[in-house]
């Protein structure tokens, strides 16, 4: 039984059922997007497994989802003083298409939300894993975390920044309540 394009909510519900909110992840939503911040790599891995189990062609293209080494690397460098890695997935994403075939490159995007910058999504990548903000430079954290907008992506950057500001208060309210549990989970993953 394959999920149709309107069932990312069911995939997310199935994936998160094996994990604890406030310990493994926090979540929010907008009218159009499911938003979650994983602190446990296994949640990302299992989410991908659920997509495959139900015959979906869409899968994450981001390195932090495909490799625990990449997850640990970027969290070690960019999760500092409350930077949250957030995933935004449109509720109407077409799960019958792979990421490179998605017509709208912003049906899914990810980046880092900073507690001191509610209106900017740092190191933002679209569904095809192309940069929207920040830049690569030998994988140095400072370059990833700059405010540079990729050429020809200003409109996309404005859009993702607007969506980021919509969930900022909710995500950081949850983060503040559960910081100790979330960080314990994250450090257990990174330090293993």
Protein backbone atom coordinates (compact mmCIF):
# COMPACT_ATOMS: atom_id res chain seq x y z
CA UNK A 1 0.00 0.00 0.00
CA UNK A 2 1.75 3.17 -1.18
CA UNK A 3 1.09 6.59 0.27
CA UNK A 4 -0.29 9.15 -2.12
CA UNK A 5 0.91 12.74 -2.38
CA UNK A 6 -1.32 13.90 0.47
CA UNK A 7 0.01 11.58 3.14
CA UNK A 8 3.32 12.97 4.41
CA UNK A 9 1.45 13.61 7.66
CA UNK A 10 0.81 9.85 7.96
CA UNK A 11 4.46 9.05 7.19
CA UNK A 12 5.62 11.53 9.84
CA UNK A 13 3.11 10.21 12.38
CA UNK A 14 4.30 6.64 11.78
CA UNK A 15 8.00 7.61 12.00
CA UNK A 16 7.75 9.68 15.17
CA UNK A 17 5.65 7.06 17.00
CA UNK A 18 8.85 5.24 17.98
CA UNK A 19 10.45 8.36 19.45
CA UNK A 20 9.70 10.74 22.30
CA UNK A 21 8.87 14.40 21.76
CA UNK A 22 11.03 16.54 24.03
CA UNK A 23 13.73 13.87 24.12
CA UNK A 24 14.38 12.82 20.52
CA UNK A 25 12.82 15.77 18.68
CA UNK A 26 10.60 18.82 18.90
CA UNK A 27 8.01 19.75 16.29
CA UNK A 28 5.73 22.47 15.06
CA UNK A 29 3.77 23.24 11.94
CA UNK A 30 2.49 26.02 9.73
CA UNK A 31 -0.57 25.95 7.55
CA UNK A 32 1.45 24.26 4.79
CA UNK A 33 4.48 22.66 6.47
CA UNK A 34 5.32 20.00 9.02
CA UNK A 35 8.40 21.21 10.92
CA UNK A 36 10.63 19.15 13.18
CA UNK A 37 14.02 19.42 14.85
CA UNK A 38 15.70 16.04 15.36
CA UNK A 39 18.17 15.45 18.18
CA UNK A 40 18.37 11.73 17.51
CA UNK A 41 19.87 10.56 14.20
CA UNK A 42 17.76 7.40 14.38
CA UNK A 43 14.61 9.48 13.83
CA UNK A 44 15.92 10.64 10.45
CA UNK A 45 17.01 7.13 9.52
CA UNK A 46 13.68 5.63 10.56
CA UNK A 47 11.72 8.33 8.73
CA UNK A 48 13.55 7.31 5.55
CA UNK A 49 12.80 3.64 6.28
CA UNK A 50 9.09 4.38 6.62
CA UNK A 51 9.12 6.21 3.27
CA UNK A 52 10.75 3.19 1.63
CA UNK A 53 8.46 0.68 3.35
CA UNK A 54 5.40 2.32 1.87
CA UNK A 55 6.85 2.65 -1.62
CA UNK A 56 7.42 6.39 -1.63
CA UNK A 57 9.93 7.70 -4.15
CA UNK A 58 10.69 10.88 -2.21
CA UNK A 59 13.59 10.53 0.26
CA UNK A 60 15.78 13.08 2.03
CA UNK A 61 18.78 14.21 -0.02
CA UNK A 62 20.60 15.90 2.88
CA UNK A 63 23.86 14.46 4.19
CA UNK A 64 22.80 14.68 7.85
CA UNK A 65 20.01 12.23 7.03
CA UNK A 66 22.11 9.77 5.07
CA UNK A 67 25.16 9.51 7.27
CA UNK A 68 25.58 9.47 11.03
CA UNK A 69 29.08 10.83 10.43
CA UNK A 70 27.67 13.89 8.66
CA UNK A 71 25.00 14.26 11.36
CA UNK A 72 27.66 14.26 14.09
CA UNK A 73 29.97 16.56 12.14
CA UNK A 74 27.40 19.29 11.49
CA UNK A 75 25.80 19.06 14.93
CA UNK A 76 29.24 19.31 16.56
CA UNK A 77 29.92 22.49 14.62
CA UNK A 78 26.58 24.20 14.19
CA UNK A 79 24.54 23.17 17.21
CA UNK A 80 25.88 25.85 19.54
CA UNK A 81 24.02 27.94 22.08
CA UNK A 82 20.63 27.00 20.74
CA UNK A 83 20.93 26.59 17.01
CA UNK A 84 18.25 24.16 15.93
CA UNK A 85 18.49 21.97 12.83
CA UNK A 86 14.99 22.12 11.38
CA UNK A 87 13.28 20.23 8.57
CA UNK A 88 10.30 21.77 6.77
CA UNK A 89 8.14 19.45 4.63
CA UNK A 90 5.05 20.60 2.76
CA UNK A 91 1.95 18.70 3.75
CA UNK A 92 1.05 18.27 0.08
CA UNK A 93 4.47 17.02 -1.11
CA UNK A 94 4.19 14.49 -3.92
CA UNK A 95 5.68 11.32 -2.45
CA UNK A 96 5.48 9.59 -5.83
CA UNK A 97 8.34 11.77 -7.12
CA UNK A 98 11.99 11.66 -6.14
CA UNK A 99 13.47 14.88 -4.77
CA UNK A 100 15.07 15.91 -8.07
CA UNK A 101 11.71 15.65 -9.84
CA UNK A 102 9.81 17.88 -7.41
CA UNK A 103 8.45 20.84 -9.35
CA UNK A 104 8.64 23.18 -6.36
CA UNK A 105 12.15 23.12 -4.91
CA UNK A 106 10.76 24.37 -1.59
CA UNK A 107 8.36 21.46 -0.99
CA UNK A 108 11.02 20.42 1.51
CA UNK A 109 13.95 22.39 2.91
CA UNK A 110 16.21 22.37 5.92
CA UNK A 111 18.54 24.69 7.77
CA UNK A 112 19.62 26.00 11.17
CA UNK A 113 17.49 28.38 13.24
CA UNK A 114 19.43 30.56 15.66
CA UNK A 115 17.91 31.70 18.96
CA UNK A 116 19.06 35.26 18.25
CA UNK A 117 17.90 35.46 14.62
CA UNK A 118 14.22 34.65 14.17
CA UNK A 119 14.05 35.85 10.57
CA UNK A 120 16.87 33.90 8.91
CA UNK A 121 17.37 30.20 8.17
CA UNK A 122 21.11 29.56 8.18
CA UNK A 123 22.75 27.01 5.86
CA UNK A 124 19.38 26.44 4.17
CA UNK A 125 19.13 23.72 1.52
CA UNK A 126 16.19 22.98 -0.76
CA UNK A 127 14.68 19.59 -1.63
CA UNK A 128 17.51 18.93 -4.10
CA UNK A 129 20.11 19.75 -1.42
CA UNK A 130 21.12 22.96 -3.23
CA UNK A 131 22.20 25.91 -1.09
CA UNK A 132 19.84 28.78 -0.48
CA UNK A 133 21.85 30.54 2.27
CA UNK A 134 25.38 30.13 3.59
CA UNK A 135 28.19 28.59 1.59
CA UNK A 136 30.53 25.62 1.53
CA UNK A 137 34.21 26.25 2.07
CA UNK A 138 36.04 23.06 2.92
CA UNK A 139 33.14 22.32 5.27
CA UNK A 140 34.09 25.11 7.65
CA UNK A 141 31.34 26.02 10.07
CA UNK A 142 31.75 29.80 9.87
CA UNK A 143 31.12 29.75 6.13
CA UNK A 144 28.07 27.54 6.53
CA UNK A 145 26.72 29.89 9.16
CA UNK A 146 27.10 33.18 7.29
CA UNK A 147 24.20 35.24 5.98
CA UNK A 148 25.13 35.01 2.30
CA UNK A 149 22.22 34.25 -0.02
CA UNK A 150 23.06 32.01 -2.98
CA UNK A 151 22.97 33.75 -6.37
CA UNK A 152 19.46 33.89 -7.84
CA UNK A 153 17.90 32.51 -4.61
CA UNK A 154 16.82 35.75 -2.88
CA UNK A 155 13.12 35.04 -3.45
CA UNK A 156 13.55 31.52 -2.04
CA UNK A 157 15.56 32.86 0.91
CA UNK A 158 12.82 35.38 1.69
CA UNK A 159 10.25 32.58 1.61
CA UNK A 160 12.15 30.16 3.89
CA UNK A 161 12.95 33.01 6.28
CA UNK A 162 9.25 33.89 6.52
CA UNK A 163 8.31 30.27 7.29
CA UNK A 164 11.15 30.11 9.85
CA UNK A 165 9.79 33.14 11.69
CA UNK A 166 6.35 31.49 11.91
CA UNK A 167 7.62 28.53 13.96
CA UNK A 168 10.46 30.26 15.82
CA UNK A 169 8.60 31.01 19.09
CA UNK A 170 6.98 27.57 19.30
CA UNK A 171 10.19 25.64 18.65
CA UNK A 172 12.27 27.64 21.10
CA UNK A 173 9.56 27.44 23.78
CA UNK A 174 9.71 23.63 23.51
CA UNK A 175 13.50 23.69 23.35
CA UNK A 176 13.72 25.77 26.54
CA UNK A 177 11.49 23.31 28.41
CA UNK A 178 13.27 20.17 27.19
CA UNK A 179 16.85 21.38 26.67
CA UNK A 180 18.40 18.92 29.15
CA UNK A 181 16.71 15.83 27.69
CA UNK A 182 17.33 16.92 24.10
CA UNK A 183 21.00 17.63 24.72
CA UNK A 184 21.44 14.34 26.57
CA UNK A 185 20.05 12.50 23.54
CA UNK A 186 22.20 14.49 21.13
CA UNK A 187 25.40 13.97 23.11
CA UNK A 188 24.68 10.26 23.50
CA UNK A 189 24.54 10.02 19.69
CA UNK A 190 27.56 12.26 19.01
CA UNK A 191 29.78 10.83 21.74
CA UNK A 192 29.25 7.14 20.85
